[in-house]
Protein backbone atom coordinates (compact mmCIF):
# COMPACT_ATOMS: atom_id res chain seq x y z
CA MET A 1 69.16 -64.78 78.53
CA THR A 2 72.24 -62.72 79.71
CA ASP A 3 72.52 -63.47 83.24
CA LYS A 4 74.56 -66.23 84.50
CA PRO A 5 72.19 -68.94 85.83
CA GLU A 6 72.14 -70.10 89.65
CA ILE A 7 71.64 -73.75 89.84
CA ASP A 8 69.09 -75.11 92.23
CA PHE A 9 70.44 -78.56 93.47
CA PRO A 10 67.93 -81.47 93.11
CA GLY A 11 69.36 -83.19 96.12
CA GLY A 12 69.12 -86.99 96.67
CA ASP A 13 71.07 -89.44 94.74
CA ALA A 14 72.76 -88.76 91.26
CA PRO A 15 70.49 -89.98 88.38
CA ASP A 16 71.52 -92.93 86.35
CA SER A 17 70.39 -91.51 83.07
CA LEU A 18 70.05 -87.84 81.34
CA VAL A 19 67.70 -85.52 83.12
CA ILE A 20 66.47 -82.77 80.75
CA THR A 21 64.68 -79.81 82.40
CA ASP A 22 63.71 -76.69 80.43
CA VAL A 23 64.07 -73.68 82.36
CA THR A 24 62.86 -71.55 79.67
CA VAL A 25 61.52 -72.57 76.14
CA GLY A 26 62.92 -70.61 73.16
CA GLU A 27 61.12 -69.59 70.26
CA GLY A 28 63.84 -69.53 67.72
CA ALA A 29 65.46 -72.03 65.55
CA GLU A 30 65.62 -75.57 66.83
CA ALA A 31 68.89 -77.31 67.27
CA ALA A 32 69.11 -80.54 65.48
CA PRO A 33 71.64 -83.53 66.10
CA GLY A 34 74.28 -82.50 63.72
CA SER A 35 74.15 -78.76 64.03
CA THR A 36 76.48 -76.65 65.23
CA VAL A 37 75.45 -74.39 68.36
CA GLN A 38 76.32 -71.03 69.93
CA VAL A 39 75.95 -71.24 73.64
CA HIS A 40 76.36 -69.80 77.19
CA TYR A 41 76.90 -72.49 79.73
CA LEU A 42 77.50 -73.24 83.35
CA GLY A 43 78.74 -76.49 84.62
CA VAL A 44 78.76 -77.54 88.37
CA GLU A 45 79.62 -80.99 89.99
CA PHE A 46 76.15 -82.67 91.32
CA ASP A 47 78.00 -83.84 94.76
CA SER A 48 79.95 -80.69 95.63
CA GLY A 49 78.07 -77.99 93.47
CA GLU A 50 81.60 -76.65 92.52
CA GLU A 51 81.68 -74.70 89.40
CA PHE A 52 84.09 -76.47 87.08
CA ASP A 53 83.58 -74.37 83.99
CA SER A 54 81.48 -71.25 82.77
CA SER A 55 81.47 -69.44 79.56
CA TRP A 56 80.10 -66.43 81.59
CA SER A 57 83.16 -66.28 83.43
CA ARG A 58 85.04 -65.95 80.34
CA GLY A 59 82.71 -63.23 79.24
CA GLU A 60 81.77 -64.82 75.90
CA PRO A 61 79.57 -67.67 74.41
CA ILE A 62 81.10 -70.60 72.44
CA SER A 63 80.29 -72.07 69.23
CA PHE A 64 81.05 -75.79 68.42
CA PRO A 65 79.42 -78.82 66.49
CA LEU A 66 77.20 -80.96 68.70
CA GLY A 67 79.12 -84.00 67.44
CA ASN A 68 82.23 -82.66 69.17
CA LEU A 69 80.70 -82.81 72.80
CA ILE A 70 79.97 -84.93 75.45
CA LYS A 71 77.20 -87.42 74.97
CA GLY A 72 74.98 -85.78 77.45
CA TRP A 73 75.10 -82.52 75.35
CA GLN A 74 74.50 -84.59 71.92
CA GLU A 75 71.40 -85.99 73.44
CA GLY A 76 70.11 -83.07 75.64
CA ILE A 77 70.46 -80.10 73.27
CA PRO A 78 68.63 -81.29 70.23
CA GLY A 79 65.06 -80.03 70.27
CA MET A 80 66.11 -77.06 72.14
CA LYS A 81 65.23 -73.65 70.57
CA VAL A 82 67.15 -70.40 70.26
CA GLY A 83 66.42 -68.38 73.40
CA GLY A 84 65.68 -71.38 75.55
CA ARG A 85 67.62 -72.29 78.72
CA ARG A 86 67.97 -75.99 79.35
CA GLN A 87 69.34 -77.86 82.69
CA LEU A 88 71.15 -81.10 81.67
CA ILE A 89 72.09 -83.64 84.55
CA CYS A 90 74.59 -85.77 82.85
CA PRO A 91 75.75 -89.11 84.86
CA PRO A 92 79.56 -90.17 84.06
CA SER A 93 78.39 -92.27 81.31
CA LEU A 94 77.16 -89.20 79.22
CA ALA A 95 79.97 -87.11 80.67
CA TYR A 96 83.77 -87.99 80.90
CA GLY A 97 83.22 -91.70 81.66
CA PRO A 98 83.96 -93.74 84.69
CA ALA A 99 86.27 -92.99 87.54
CA GLY A 100 90.04 -93.25 86.51
CA GLY A 101 89.20 -92.41 83.03
CA GLY A 102 91.76 -89.81 82.74
CA HIS A 103 89.86 -86.85 82.99
CA ARG A 104 89.40 -84.85 85.94
CA LEU A 105 85.70 -84.96 85.82
CA SER A 106 85.93 -88.86 85.06
CA GLY A 107 83.31 -90.60 87.34
CA LYS A 108 81.28 -87.62 88.41
CA THR A 109 77.43 -86.57 87.68
CA LEU A 110 77.81 -83.25 86.26
CA ILE A 111 74.98 -80.33 85.98
CA PHE A 112 74.88 -77.90 83.09
CA VAL A 113 72.83 -74.85 82.39
CA ILE A 114 72.78 -74.12 78.69
CA ASP A 115 71.48 -70.95 77.11
CA LEU A 116 71.06 -71.72 73.40
CA LEU A 117 72.23 -68.42 71.38
CA GLY A 118 72.15 -69.56 67.89
CA VAL A 119 72.05 -72.56 65.58
CA GLY A 120 74.25 -73.24 62.32
């Protein structure tokens, strides 16, 4: 996967729990809860569809320990295999917390499309 994804908006009300959708199932190594992952990702707001972050826009993937990420990623990436693309819809409780939490995305439901490039 080298192309920046386009997100098909689910419409309707934002979910109250994590929604995991495999767009493409990978065939490589599987991400475990404590692993370090290398990913390309795109993040948009559920309500507006506005992109707030994208590794594609920066032109390079990022690598980090899953334990350092928002809960939606900690719960949504394990089980994914290298070469796969997965969409996660994260309610505020699994993203940046309730409105007024101090982060510009607090209180927002977020959609991420993640390509898993490597597992360490």
